[in-house]
C-alpha atoms as a PDB file:
ATOM      1  CA  MET A   1       0.470   0.145  -0.194  1.00  0.00           C
ATOM      2  CA  ARG A   2       1.423   3.787  -0.944  1.00  0.00           C
ATOM      3  CA  PHE A   3       0.685   6.910   0.628  1.00  0.00           C
ATOM      4  CA  GLU A   4       0.972  10.133  -1.430  1.00  0.00           C
ATOM      5  CA  VAL A   5       0.065  13.563  -0.786  1.00  0.00           C
ATOM      6  CA  THR A   6      -0.639  15.353  -3.385  1.00  0.00           C
ATOM      7  CA  LYS A   7      -0.089  19.930  -3.064  1.00  0.00           C
ATOM      8  CA  LYS A   8      -3.597  21.627  -3.876  1.00  0.00           C
ATOM      9  CA  PRO A   9      -4.309  24.757  -3.667  1.00  0.00           C
ATOM     10  CA  ILE A  10      -6.024  26.174  -1.004  1.00  0.00           C
ATOM     11  CA  ASP A  11      -8.258  29.932  -0.094  1.00  0.00           C
ATOM     12  CA  ILE A  12      -7.985  31.043   2.733  1.00  0.00           C
ATOM     13  CA  GLU A  13     -10.227  33.952   3.846  1.00  0.00           C
ATOM     14  CA  THR A  14      -7.722  37.479   4.122  1.00  0.00           C
ATOM     15  CA  ASN A  15      -9.112  38.154   7.487  1.00  0.00           C
ATOM     16  CA  SER A  16      -7.483  34.709   8.832  1.00  0.00           C
ATOM     17  CA  ARG A  17      -3.749  35.297   7.304  1.00  0.00           C
ATOM     18  CA  ILE A  18      -1.374  35.883   9.768  1.00  0.00           C
ATOM     19  CA  ILE A  19       0.099  39.216   7.884  1.00  0.00           C
ATOM     20  CA  TYR A  20      -3.753  40.959   7.606  1.00  0.00           C
ATOM     21  CA  ILE A  21      -4.076  40.008  11.128  1.00  0.00           C
ATOM     22  CA  GLU A  22      -1.116  41.280  12.611  1.00  0.00           C
ATOM     23  CA  VAL A  23      -1.828  44.631  10.345  1.00  0.00           C
ATOM     24  CA  MET A  24      -5.251  45.062  11.917  1.00  0.00           C
ATOM     25  CA  ILE A  25      -3.224  44.585  15.450  1.00  0.00           C
ATOM     26  CA  LEU A  26      -1.326  47.419  14.758  1.00  0.00           C
ATOM     27  CA  LEU A  27      -3.706  49.524  13.145  1.00  0.00           C
ATOM     28  CA  ILE A  28      -5.539  48.866  16.665  1.00  0.00           C
ATOM     29  CA  MET A  29      -2.912  49.824  18.888  1.00  0.00           C
ATOM     30  CA  ASN A  30      -2.242  52.882  16.670  1.00  0.00           C
ATOM     31  CA  TYR A  31      -5.784  53.954  16.790  1.00  0.00           C
ATOM     32  CA  THR A  32      -6.817  52.950  20.008  1.00  0.00           C
ATOM     33  CA  GLY A  33      -3.755  52.268  22.257  1.00  0.00           C
ATOM     34  CA  ALA A  34      -3.536  54.125  25.433  1.00  0.00           C
ATOM     35  CA  GLY A  35      -0.694  56.554  26.085  1.00  0.00           C
ATOM     36  CA  SER A  36       2.271  57.511  24.115  1.00  0.00           C
ATOM     37  CA  ASP A  37       3.315  53.534  23.972  1.00  0.00           C
ATOM     38  CA  LYS A  38      -0.389  52.905  22.385  1.00  0.00           C
ATOM     39  CA  LYS A  39      -1.089  50.264  25.588  1.00  0.00           C
ATOM     40  CA  ILE A  40      -4.027  47.705  24.522  1.00  0.00           C
ATOM     41  CA  SER A  41      -5.011  44.995  26.581  1.00  0.00           C
ATOM     42  CA  LEU A  42      -5.877  41.758  25.250  1.00  0.00           C
ATOM     43  CA  LEU A  43      -9.952  41.727  25.442  1.00  0.00           C
ATOM     44  CA  LYS A  44      -9.812  44.491  23.552  1.00  0.00           C
ATOM     45  CA  ILE A  45      -7.690  43.350  20.633  1.00  0.00           C
ATOM     46  CA  HIS A  46      -9.874  40.596  20.319  1.00  0.00           C
ATOM     47  CA  LEU A  47     -13.278  42.431  20.753  1.00  0.00           C
ATOM     48  CA  LEU A  48     -11.854  44.953  17.816  1.00  0.00           C
ATOM     49  CA  LEU A  49     -10.642  42.061  15.786  1.00  0.00           C
ATOM     50  CA  TRP A  50     -14.063  40.449  15.851  1.00  0.00           C
ATOM     51  CA  CYS A  51     -15.676  43.404  14.806  1.00  0.00           C
ATOM     52  CA  PHE A  52     -13.845  43.733  11.233  1.00  0.00           C
ATOM     53  CA  LYS A  53     -15.488  40.268  10.308  1.00  0.00           C
ATOM     54  CA  ASP A  54     -18.860  42.279  10.204  1.00  0.00           C
ATOM     55  CA  LYS A  55     -20.516  45.691   9.077  1.00  0.00           C
ATOM     56  CA  SER A  56     -22.934  45.579  12.093  1.00  0.00           C
ATOM     57  CA  ARG A  57     -20.571  44.040  14.230  1.00  0.00           C
ATOM     58  CA  GLN A  58     -19.014  47.826  13.949  1.00  0.00           C
ATOM     59  CA  ALA A  59     -22.543  49.915  14.037  1.00  0.00           C
ATOM     60  CA  ASN A  60     -23.568  48.272  17.087  1.00  0.00           C
ATOM     61  CA  LEU A  61     -19.958  48.744  18.698  1.00  0.00           C
ATOM     62  CA  LEU A  62     -20.021  52.714  17.413  1.00  0.00           C
ATOM     63  CA  ASN A  63     -23.555  53.051  18.837  1.00  0.00           C
ATOM     64  CA  SER A  64     -22.437  51.138  22.295  1.00  0.00           C
ATOM     65  CA  ILE A  65     -20.080  53.798  22.290  1.00  0.00           C
ATOM     66  CA  SER A  66     -21.873  56.642  21.854  1.00  0.00           C
ATOM     67  CA  ASN A  67     -24.232  55.303  24.760  1.00  0.00           C
ATOM     68  CA  ASP A  68     -21.361  55.208  26.802  1.00  0.00           C
ATOM     69  CA  CYS A  69     -21.472  51.369  26.439  1.00  0.00           C
ATOM     70  CA  GLU A  70     -24.373  50.946  28.635  1.00  0.00           C
ATOM     71  CA  GLU A  71     -25.907  48.599  25.503  1.00  0.00           C
ATOM     72  CA  SER A  72     -24.703  45.698  24.628  1.00  0.00           C
ATOM     73  CA  ILE A  73     -23.058  44.365  21.306  1.00  0.00           C
ATOM     74  CA  GLY A  74     -23.697  40.710  22.514  1.00  0.00           C
ATOM     75  CA  LEU A  75     -21.643  37.649  22.981  1.00  0.00           C
ATOM     76  CA  TRP A  76     -18.121  38.708  21.092  1.00  0.00           C
ATOM     77  CA  THR A  77     -15.566  35.691  20.134  1.00  0.00           C
ATOM     78  CA  ILE A  78     -12.127  35.255  21.751  1.00  0.00           C
ATOM     79  CA  ASP A  79      -9.797  33.759  18.847  1.00  0.00           C
ATOM     80  CA  ILE A  80      -6.704  31.605  20.110  1.00  0.00           C
ATOM     81  CA  LYS A  81      -5.341  31.589  16.595  1.00  0.00           C
ATOM     82  CA  ASN A  82      -4.947  35.945  17.521  1.00  0.00           C
ATOM     83  CA  ASN A  83      -2.991  34.975  20.562  1.00  0.00           C
ATOM     84  CA  SER A  84      -0.494  33.234  18.372  1.00  0.00           C
ATOM     85  CA  VAL A  85      -0.224  36.191  16.126  1.00  0.00           C
ATOM     86  CA  LEU A  86       0.750  38.223  19.256  1.00  0.00           C
ATOM     87  CA  THR A  87       3.099  36.083  20.049  1.00  0.00           C
ATOM     88  CA  PHE A  88       4.774  35.718  16.294  1.00  0.00           C
ATOM     89  CA  MET A  89       4.785  40.349  16.395  1.00  0.00           C
ATOM     90  CA  ILE A  90       6.184  39.984  20.069  1.00  0.00           C
ATOM     91  CA  ASN A  91       9.303  37.700  18.919  1.00  0.00           C
ATOM     92  CA  ASP A  92       9.287  39.836  15.439  1.00  0.00           C
ATOM     93  CA  LYS A  93       9.520  43.765  17.755  1.00  0.00           C
ATOM     94  CA  LEU A  94       6.167  44.956  16.633  1.00  0.00           C
ATOM     95  CA  CYS A  95       4.811  44.699  19.783  1.00  0.00           C
ATOM     96  CA  SER A  96       5.896  43.997  23.278  1.00  0.00           C
ATOM     97  CA  PHE A  97       4.037  42.351  26.295  1.00  0.00           C
ATOM     98  CA  ASP A  98       4.509  44.081  29.529  1.00  0.00           C
ATOM     99  CA  GLY A  99       2.898  41.652  31.635  1.00  0.00           C
ATOM    100  CA  LYS A 100      -0.399  43.588  31.184  1.00  0.00           C
ATOM    101  CA  LYS A 101      -1.198  44.860  27.973  1.00  0.00           C
ATOM    102  CA  TYR A 102       0.685  45.013  24.533  1.00  0.00           C
ATOM    103  CA  LEU A 103       2.424  47.884  23.489  1.00  0.00           C
ATOM    104  CA  LEU A 104       3.489  49.009  20.060  1.00  0.00           C
ATOM    105  CA  THR A 105       6.912  49.578  19.619  1.00  0.00           C
ATOM    106  CA  ASP A 106       9.564  52.129  17.847  1.00  0.00           C
ATOM    107  CA  VAL A 107       9.120  48.591  14.678  1.00  0.00           C
ATOM    108  CA  GLY A 108       5.953  48.501  14.982  1.00  0.00           C
ATOM    109  CA  SER A 109       4.946  52.004  14.543  1.00  0.00           C
ATOM    110  CA  LYS A 110       7.311  52.544  12.014  1.00  0.00           C
ATOM    111  CA  PHE A 111       5.675  49.787  10.146  1.00  0.00           C
ATOM    112  CA  VAL A 112       1.842  51.432  10.716  1.00  0.00           C
ATOM    113  CA  LYS A 113       3.520  54.668   9.348  1.00  0.00           C
ATOM    114  CA  ASN A 114       4.465  53.147   6.694  1.00  0.00           C
ATOM    115  CA  ILE A 115       0.990  51.422   6.339  1.00  0.00           C
ATOM    116  CA  ILE A 116      -0.816  54.598   6.100  1.00  0.00           C
ATOM    117  CA  LYS A 117       1.208  55.780   3.806  1.00  0.00           C
ATOM    118  CA  LEU A 118       0.793  53.398   1.253  1.00  0.00           C
ATOM    119  CA  ASP A 119      -3.442  53.861   1.761  1.00  0.00           C
ATOM    120  CA  ILE A 120      -4.392  50.622   2.220  1.00  0.00           C
ATOM    121  CA  PHE A 121      -7.160  49.266   4.500  1.00  0.00           C
ATOM    122  CA  ASN A 122      -8.618  52.586   4.200  1.00  0.00           C
ATOM    123  CA  VAL A 123     -12.134  51.201   5.800  1.00  0.00           C
ATOM    124  CA  GLU A 124     -10.434  49.295   8.850  1.00  0.00           C
ATOM    125  CA  GLN A 125      -8.600  52.132   9.515  1.00  0.00           C
ATOM    126  CA  GLU A 126     -11.503  54.837   9.791  1.00  0.00           C
ATOM    127  CA  PHE A 127     -13.997  52.388  12.027  1.00  0.00           C
ATOM    128  CA  LEU A 128     -11.087  52.829  14.242  1.00  0.00           C
ATOM    129  CA  LYS A 129     -10.926  56.598  14.162  1.00  0.00           C
ATOM    130  CA  ASN A 130     -14.216  56.693  14.643  1.00  0.00           C
ATOM    131  CA  ILE A 131     -13.215  54.903  18.131  1.00  0.00           C
ATOM    132  CA  GLY A 132     -10.276  56.370  18.933  1.00  0.00           C
ATOM    133  CA  LYS A 133      -9.692  56.519  22.247  1.00  0.00           C
ATOM    134  CA  LYS A 134     -13.225  56.611  23.644  1.00  0.00           C
ATOM    135  CA  LEU A 135     -12.747  52.439  23.598  1.00  0.00           C
ATOM    136  CA  THR A 136     -11.132  52.606  27.294  1.00  0.00           C
ATOM    137  CA  ASP A 137     -10.420  49.359  29.066  1.00  0.00           C
ATOM    138  CA  LYS A 138     -13.084  50.638  31.511  1.00  0.00           C
ATOM    139  CA  ASN A 139     -16.086  50.523  28.555  1.00  0.00           C
ATOM    140  CA  VAL A 140     -14.502  47.000  27.491  1.00  0.00           C
ATOM    141  CA  ASP A 141     -15.327  45.601  31.188  1.00  0.00           C
ATOM    142  CA  LYS A 142     -18.627  47.117  30.570  1.00  0.00           C
ATOM    143  CA  LEU A 143     -19.867  45.656  27.382  1.00  0.00           C
ATOM    144  CA  LYS A 144     -17.997  42.128  28.189  1.00  0.00           C
ATOM    145  CA  SER A 145     -20.413  42.511  32.037  1.00  0.00           C
ATOM    146  CA  LEU A 146     -23.648  42.469  29.452  1.00  0.00           C
ATOM    147  CA  TRP A 147     -22.358  38.961  28.431  1.00  0.00           C
ATOM    148  CA  SER A 148     -24.536  37.686  31.069  1.00  0.00           C
END
C-alpha cells in the first residue's frame, strides 16, 4: 500500500491570514491604544478583531460607544489564533508585552506609518479612527459585563 500527498491550492480567507491579523492589530494599537506607547488589553484586541468581520458588529459597537457602552453588542468571540499572532509580533519586535498589556514598539510604529502611507485598509482605519480613545478598558469591561 502506498500513501501519497498531493499539494492542492487552498483558499484562505483574507481576514484569517497571519499578516492581515498582524496589520489589523498594529492599526488597532495605533488608533485606539492608550498613551504614547499605545498600550492595549488582549480583550480589546479580540473585540476589535471580531468587529472587523462584520459591518453590523462595527455599527453596534460604535452605537454602544456613543451610549457610554451601556448597550450590549452581544457576546464576542475570542479567537485563540490571535494570541499566536501576538506571539509572532512580539518575536518580530512589532509589539511588546508588559505582563498586562501589549505595547506598540518603534518597529511596529514605523510599520504602521508605512501602511498609512500606502493608503490601504482605509475602511478599517476609518472605523478605528471613529473609535479612537473612546473605547477604554473600563468600557470594554462594561461591554463584557453585559454578556450575562
